[in-house]
């Protein structure tokens, strides 16, 4: 039987392994064991990163003109 590769935390920029599945069943969690890595903070971080990227692109457009 082949072992499945470890799932990685889906928090932006996190490389830690996700928490293992509960032995009683259910899907494997998507985040690591860091308390601040959860669905809400991941969403907020993705929004922050998107804003930083769009601000950088806007800055490049202004300097090109």
PDB file of N, CA and C in Angstrom:
ATOM      1  N   UNK A   1       0.849  -1.165   0.000  1.00  0.00           N
ATOM      2  CA  UNK A   1       0.000   0.000   0.000  1.00  0.00           C
ATOM      3  C   UNK A   1       0.903   1.239   0.000  1.00  0.00           C
ATOM      4  N   UNK A   2       0.634   2.193  -0.895  1.00  0.00           N
ATOM      5  CA  UNK A   2       1.451   3.400  -0.976  1.00  0.00           C
ATOM      6  C   UNK A   2       0.900   4.471  -0.038  1.00  0.00           C
ATOM      7  N   UNK A   3       1.819   5.236   0.550  1.00  0.00           N
ATOM      8  CA  UNK A   3       1.426   6.294   1.471  1.00  0.00           C
ATOM      9  C   UNK A   3       1.152   7.571   0.688  1.00  0.00           C
ATOM     10  N   UNK A   4       0.074   8.282   1.027  1.00  0.00           N
ATOM     11  CA  UNK A   4      -0.231   9.529   0.338  1.00  0.00           C
ATOM     12  C   UNK A   4       0.704  10.623   0.852  1.00  0.00           C
ATOM     13  N   UNK A   5       1.093  11.556  -0.024  1.00  0.00           N
ATOM     14  CA  UNK A   5       1.985  12.621   0.423  1.00  0.00           C
ATOM     15  C   UNK A   5       1.308  13.510   1.467  1.00  0.00           C
ATOM     16  N   UNK A   6       2.116  14.054   2.355  1.00  0.00           N
ATOM     17  CA  UNK A   6       1.583  14.908   3.416  1.00  0.00           C
ATOM     18  C   UNK A   6       0.939  16.151   2.810  1.00  0.00           C
ATOM     19  N   UNK A   7      -0.213  16.516   3.322  1.00  0.00           N
ATOM     20  CA  UNK A   7      -0.924  17.704   2.869  1.00  0.00           C
ATOM     21  C   UNK A   7      -0.255  18.923   3.506  1.00  0.00           C
ATOM     22  N   UNK A   8      -0.102  19.995   2.734  1.00  0.00           N
ATOM     23  CA  UNK A   8       0.527  21.216   3.216  1.00  0.00           C
ATOM     24  C   UNK A   8      -0.549  22.231   3.593  1.00  0.00           C
ATOM     25  N   UNK A   9      -0.261  23.015   4.613  1.00  0.00           N
ATOM     26  CA  UNK A   9      -1.169  24.081   5.070  1.00  0.00           C
ATOM     27  C   UNK A   9      -1.480  25.014   3.898  1.00  0.00           C
ATOM     28  N   UNK A  10      -2.743  25.437   3.779  1.00  0.00           N
ATOM     29  CA  UNK A  10      -3.128  26.294   2.657  1.00  0.00           C
ATOM     30  C   UNK A  10      -3.049  27.780   2.997  1.00  0.00           C
ATOM     31  N   UNK A  11      -2.536  28.133   4.182  1.00  0.00           N
ATOM     32  CA  UNK A  11      -2.341  29.544   4.517  1.00  0.00           C
ATOM     33  C   UNK A  11      -1.289  30.101   3.569  1.00  0.00           C
ATOM     34  N   UNK A  12      -1.509  31.292   2.985  1.00  0.00           N
ATOM     35  CA  UNK A  12      -0.550  31.851   2.027  1.00  0.00           C
ATOM     36  C   UNK A  12       0.869  31.931   2.593  1.00  0.00           C
ATOM     37  N   UNK A  13       1.801  31.287   1.898  1.00  0.00           N
ATOM     38  CA  UNK A  13       3.205  31.326   2.280  1.00  0.00           C
ATOM     39  C   UNK A  13       3.621  30.289   3.308  1.00  0.00           C
ATOM     40  N   UNK A  14       2.684  29.532   3.863  1.00  0.00           N
ATOM     41  CA  UNK A  14       3.024  28.530   4.879  1.00  0.00           C
ATOM     42  C   UNK A  14       3.433  27.226   4.210  1.00  0.00           C
ATOM     43  N   UNK A  15       4.510  26.657   4.685  1.00  0.00           N
ATOM     44  CA  UNK A  15       5.015  25.399   4.129  1.00  0.00           C
ATOM     45  C   UNK A  15       4.858  24.246   5.124  1.00  0.00           C
ATOM     46  N   UNK A  16       4.236  24.512   6.254  1.00  0.00           N
ATOM     47  CA  UNK A  16       4.101  23.495   7.304  1.00  0.00           C
ATOM     48  C   UNK A  16       3.079  22.430   6.891  1.00  0.00           C
ATOM     49  N   UNK A  17       3.231  21.229   7.421  1.00  0.00           N
ATOM     50  CA  UNK A  17       2.235  20.185   7.108  1.00  0.00           C
ATOM     51  C   UNK A  17       0.903  20.491   7.807  1.00  0.00           C
ATOM     52  N   UNK A  18      -0.169  20.130   7.135  1.00  0.00           N
ATOM     53  CA  UNK A  18      -1.504  20.296   7.720  1.00  0.00           C
ATOM     54  C   UNK A  18      -1.662  19.318   8.881  1.00  0.00           C
ATOM     55  N   UNK A  19      -2.564  19.651   9.782  1.00  0.00           N
ATOM     56  CA  UNK A  19      -2.858  18.784  10.916  1.00  0.00           C
ATOM     57  C   UNK A  19      -3.356  17.439  10.379  1.00  0.00           C
ATOM     58  N   UNK A  20      -2.940  16.337  10.984  1.00  0.00           N
ATOM     59  CA  UNK A  20      -3.421  15.032  10.498  1.00  0.00           C
ATOM     60  C   UNK A  20      -4.929  14.865  10.708  1.00  0.00           C
ATOM     61  N   UNK A  21      -5.538  13.988   9.931  1.00  0.00           N
ATOM     62  CA  UNK A  21      -6.985  13.779  10.089  1.00  0.00           C
ATOM     63  C   UNK A  21      -7.316  13.193  11.468  1.00  0.00           C
ATOM     64  N   UNK A  22      -8.532  13.429  11.902  1.00  0.00           N
ATOM     65  CA  UNK A  22      -9.001  12.887  13.165  1.00  0.00           C
ATOM     66  C   UNK A  22      -9.064  11.364  13.049  1.00  0.00           C
ATOM     67  N   UNK A  23      -8.585  10.639  14.044  1.00  0.00           N
ATOM     68  CA  UNK A  23      -8.634   9.160  13.963  1.00  0.00           C
ATOM     69  C   UNK A  23     -10.051   8.602  13.903  1.00  0.00           C
ATOM     70  N   UNK A  24     -11.040   9.380  14.318  1.00  0.00           N
ATOM     71  CA  UNK A  24     -12.430   8.907  14.268  1.00  0.00           C
ATOM     72  C   UNK A  24     -13.068   9.107  12.900  1.00  0.00           C
ATOM     73  N   UNK A  25     -12.348   9.776  11.995  1.00  0.00           N
ATOM     74  CA  UNK A  25     -12.856   9.963  10.642  1.00  0.00           C
ATOM     75  C   UNK A  25     -13.024  11.422  10.288  1.00  0.00           C
ATOM     76  N   UNK A  26     -13.477  11.639   9.085  1.00  0.00           N
ATOM     77  CA  UNK A  26     -13.670  12.994   8.594  1.00  0.00           C
ATOM     78  C   UNK A  26     -12.505  13.425   7.717  1.00  0.00           C
ATOM     79  N   UNK A  27     -12.661  14.529   7.037  1.00  0.00           N
ATOM     80  CA  UNK A  27     -11.611  14.997   6.130  1.00  0.00           C
ATOM     81  C   UNK A  27     -10.416  15.559   6.904  1.00  0.00           C
ATOM     82  N   UNK A  28      -9.275  15.535   6.253  1.00  0.00           N
ATOM     83  CA  UNK A  28      -8.085  16.111   6.862  1.00  0.00           C
ATOM     84  C   UNK A  28      -8.198  17.636   6.866  1.00  0.00           C
ATOM     85  N   UNK A  29      -7.842  18.279   7.969  1.00  0.00           N
ATOM     86  CA  UNK A  29      -7.864  19.742   7.997  1.00  0.00           C
ATOM     87  C   UNK A  29      -6.937  20.326   6.932  1.00  0.00           C
ATOM     88  N   UNK A  30      -7.202  21.552   6.534  1.00  0.00           N
ATOM     89  CA  UNK A  30      -6.413  22.209   5.491  1.00  0.00           C
ATOM     90  C   UNK A  30      -5.312  23.099   6.043  1.00  0.00           C
ATOM     91  N   UNK A  31      -5.306  23.315   7.358  1.00  0.00           N
ATOM     92  CA  UNK A  31      -4.341  24.221   7.959  1.00  0.00           C
ATOM     93  C   UNK A  31      -3.427  23.478   8.928  1.00  0.00           C
ATOM     94  N   UNK A  32      -2.279  24.100   9.217  1.00  0.00           N
ATOM     95  CA  UNK A  32      -1.323  23.514  10.150  1.00  0.00           C
ATOM     96  C   UNK A  32      -1.784  23.761  11.588  1.00  0.00           C
ATOM     97  N   UNK A  33      -0.916  23.471  12.535  1.00  0.00           N
ATOM     98  CA  UNK A  33      -1.298  23.590  13.941  1.00  0.00           C
ATOM     99  C   UNK A  33      -1.126  24.996  14.515  1.00  0.00           C
ATOM    100  N   UNK A  34      -0.711  25.970  13.710  1.00  0.00           N
ATOM    101  CA  UNK A  34      -0.614  27.338  14.200  1.00  0.00           C
ATOM    102  C   UNK A  34      -2.017  27.913  14.360  1.00  0.00           C
ATOM    103  N   UNK A  35      -2.303  28.425  15.528  1.00  0.00           N
ATOM    104  CA  UNK A  35      -3.644  28.917  15.832  1.00  0.00           C
ATOM    105  C   UNK A  35      -4.091  30.036  14.889  1.00  0.00           C
ATOM    106  N   UNK A  36      -3.144  30.886  14.468  1.00  0.00           N
ATOM    107  CA  UNK A  36      -3.497  32.011  13.592  1.00  0.00           C
ATOM    108  C   UNK A  36      -3.704  31.595  12.134  1.00  0.00           C
ATOM    109  N   UNK A  37      -3.420  30.347  11.789  1.00  0.00           N
ATOM    110  CA  UNK A  37      -3.663  29.861  10.428  1.00  0.00           C
ATOM    111  C   UNK A  37      -5.036  29.195  10.397  1.00  0.00           C
ATOM    112  N   UNK A  38      -6.012  29.972   9.943  1.00  0.00           N
ATOM    113  CA  UNK A  38      -7.385  29.473   9.843  1.00  0.00           C
ATOM    114  C   UNK A  38      -8.031  30.105   8.619  1.00  0.00           C
ATOM    115  N   UNK A  39      -9.254  29.744   8.338  1.00  0.00           N
ATOM    116  CA  UNK A  39      -9.927  30.212   7.122  1.00  0.00           C
ATOM    117  C   UNK A  39     -10.046  31.732   7.079  1.00  0.00           C
ATOM    118  N   UNK A  40     -10.395  32.358   8.188  1.00  0.00           N
ATOM    119  CA  UNK A  40     -10.573  33.813   8.202  1.00  0.00           C
ATOM    120  C   UNK A  40      -9.252  34.538   7.957  1.00  0.00           C
ATOM    121  N   UNK A  41      -8.217  34.176   8.705  1.00  0.00           N
ATOM    122  CA  UNK A  41      -6.944  34.883   8.543  1.00  0.00           C
ATOM    123  C   UNK A  41      -6.312  34.582   7.187  1.00  0.00           C
ATOM    124  N   UNK A  42      -6.537  33.393   6.639  1.00  0.00           N
ATOM    125  CA  UNK A  42      -6.022  33.074   5.302  1.00  0.00           C
ATOM    126  C   UNK A  42      -6.707  33.963   4.261  1.00  0.00           C
ATOM    127  N   UNK A  43      -8.011  34.154   4.397  1.00  0.00           N
ATOM    128  CA  UNK A  43      -8.754  35.023   3.485  1.00  0.00           C
ATOM    129  C   UNK A  43      -8.238  36.463   3.584  1.00  0.00           C
ATOM    130  N   UNK A  44      -8.046  36.937   4.798  1.00  0.00           N
ATOM    131  CA  UNK A  44      -7.547  38.298   5.009  1.00  0.00           C
ATOM    132  C   UNK A  44      -6.144  38.465   4.419  1.00  0.00           C
ATOM    133  N   UNK A  45      -5.286  37.461   4.583  1.00  0.00           N
ATOM    134  CA  UNK A  45      -3.928  37.539   4.041  1.00  0.00           C
ATOM    135  C   UNK A  45      -3.950  37.533   2.515  1.00  0.00           C
ATOM    136  N   UNK A  46      -4.822  36.718   1.903  1.00  0.00           N
ATOM    137  CA  UNK A  46      -4.941  36.722   0.440  1.00  0.00           C
ATOM    138  C   UNK A  46      -5.403  38.075  -0.068  1.00  0.00           C
ATOM    139  N   UNK A  47      -6.352  38.709   0.643  1.00  0.00           N
ATOM    140  CA  UNK A  47      -6.813  40.042   0.257  1.00  0.00           C
ATOM    141  C   UNK A  47      -5.676  41.059   0.378  1.00  0.00           C
ATOM    142  N   UNK A  48      -4.900  40.982   1.471  1.00  0.00           N
ATOM    143  CA  UNK A  48      -3.785  41.903   1.676  1.00  0.00           C
ATOM    144  C   UNK A  48      -2.750  41.745   0.572  1.00  0.00           C
ATOM    145  N   UNK A  49      -2.424  40.501   0.233  1.00  0.00           N
ATOM    146  CA  UNK A  49      -1.441  40.250  -0.823  1.00  0.00           C
ATOM    147  C   UNK A  49      -1.937  40.750  -2.178  1.00  0.00           C
ATOM    148  N   UNK A  50      -3.233  40.582  -2.453  1.00  0.00           N
ATOM    149  CA  UNK A  50      -3.792  41.062  -3.717  1.00  0.00           C
ATOM    150  C   UNK A  50      -3.717  42.588  -3.785  1.00  0.00           C
ATOM    151  N   UNK A  51      -3.978  43.252  -2.666  1.00  0.00           N
ATOM    152  CA  UNK A  51      -3.901  44.717  -2.634  1.00  0.00           C
ATOM    153  C   UNK A  51      -2.468  45.190  -2.848  1.00  0.00           C
ATOM    154  N   UNK A  52      -1.519  44.529  -2.211  1.00  0.00           N
ATOM    155  CA  UNK A  52      -0.105  44.891  -2.382  1.00  0.00           C
ATOM    156  C   UNK A  52       0.298  44.725  -3.847  1.00  0.00           C
ATOM    157  N   UNK A  53      -0.116  43.626  -4.458  1.00  0.00           N
ATOM    158  CA  UNK A  53       0.206  43.376  -5.865  1.00  0.00           C
ATOM    159  C   UNK A  53      -0.423  44.431  -6.768  1.00  0.00           C
ATOM    160  N   UNK A  54      -1.694  44.757  -6.533  1.00  0.00           N
ATOM    161  CA  UNK A  54      -2.349  45.751  -7.395  1.00  0.00           C
ATOM    162  C   UNK A  54      -1.742  47.133  -7.175  1.00  0.00           C
ATOM    163  N   UNK A  55      -1.359  47.461  -5.944  1.00  0.00           N
ATOM    164  CA  UNK A  55      -0.707  48.748  -5.669  1.00  0.00           C
ATOM    165  C   UNK A  55       0.641  48.830  -6.382  1.00  0.00           C
ATOM    166  N   UNK A  56       1.377  47.726  -6.379  1.00  0.00           N
ATOM    167  CA  UNK A  56       2.684  47.707  -7.073  1.00  0.00           C
ATOM    168  C   UNK A  56       2.492  47.865  -8.568  1.00  0.00           C
ATOM    169  N   UNK A  57       1.497  47.197  -9.134  1.00  0.00           N
ATOM    170  CA  UNK A  57       1.244  47.316 -10.575  1.00  0.00           C
ATOM    171  C   UNK A  57       0.790  48.720 -10.930  1.00  0.00           C
ATOM    172  N   UNK A  58      -0.030  49.336 -10.075  1.00  0.00           N
ATOM    173  CA  UNK A  58      -0.478  50.710 -10.326  1.00  0.00           C
ATOM    174  C   UNK A  58       0.714  51.664 -10.278  1.00  0.00           C
ATOM    175  N   UNK A  59       1.623  51.424  -9.370  1.00  0.00           N
ATOM    176  CA  UNK A  59       2.821  52.250  -9.271  1.00  0.00           C
ATOM    177  C   UNK A  59       3.682  52.148 -10.514  1.00  0.00           C
ATOM    178  N   UNK A  60       3.778  50.954 -11.063  1.00  0.00           N
ATOM    179  CA  UNK A  60       4.556  50.766 -12.307  1.00  0.00           C
ATOM    180  C   UNK A  60       3.896  51.483 -13.467  1.00  0.00           C
ATOM    181  N   UNK A  61       2.559  51.441 -13.542  1.00  0.00           N
ATOM    182  CA  UNK A  61       1.851  52.110 -14.636  1.00  0.00           C
ATOM    183  C   UNK A  61       2.044  53.621 -14.553  1.00  0.00           C
ATOM    184  N   UNK A  62       2.015  54.157 -13.346  1.00  0.00           N
ATOM    185  CA  UNK A  62       2.193  55.611 -13.180  1.00  0.00           C
ATOM    186  C   UNK A  62       3.598  56.039 -13.559  1.00  0.00           C
ATOM    187  N   UNK A  63       4.602  55.221 -13.244  1.00  0.00           N
ATOM    188  CA  UNK A  63       5.976  55.598 -13.569  1.00  0.00           C
ATOM    189  C   UNK A  63       6.275  55.402 -15.059  1.00  0.00           C
ATOM    190  N   UNK A  64       5.497  54.564 -15.743  1.00  0.00           N
ATOM    191  CA  UNK A  64       5.687  54.345 -17.193  1.00  0.00           C
ATOM    192  C   UNK A  64       5.136  55.517 -18.008  1.00  0.00           C
ATOM    193  N   UNK A  65       4.160  56.223 -17.473  1.00  0.00           N
ATOM    194  CA  UNK A  65       3.432  57.248 -18.209  1.00  0.00           C
ATOM    195  C   UNK A  65       4.161  58.522 -18.279  1.00  0.00           C
TER     196      UNK A  65
END
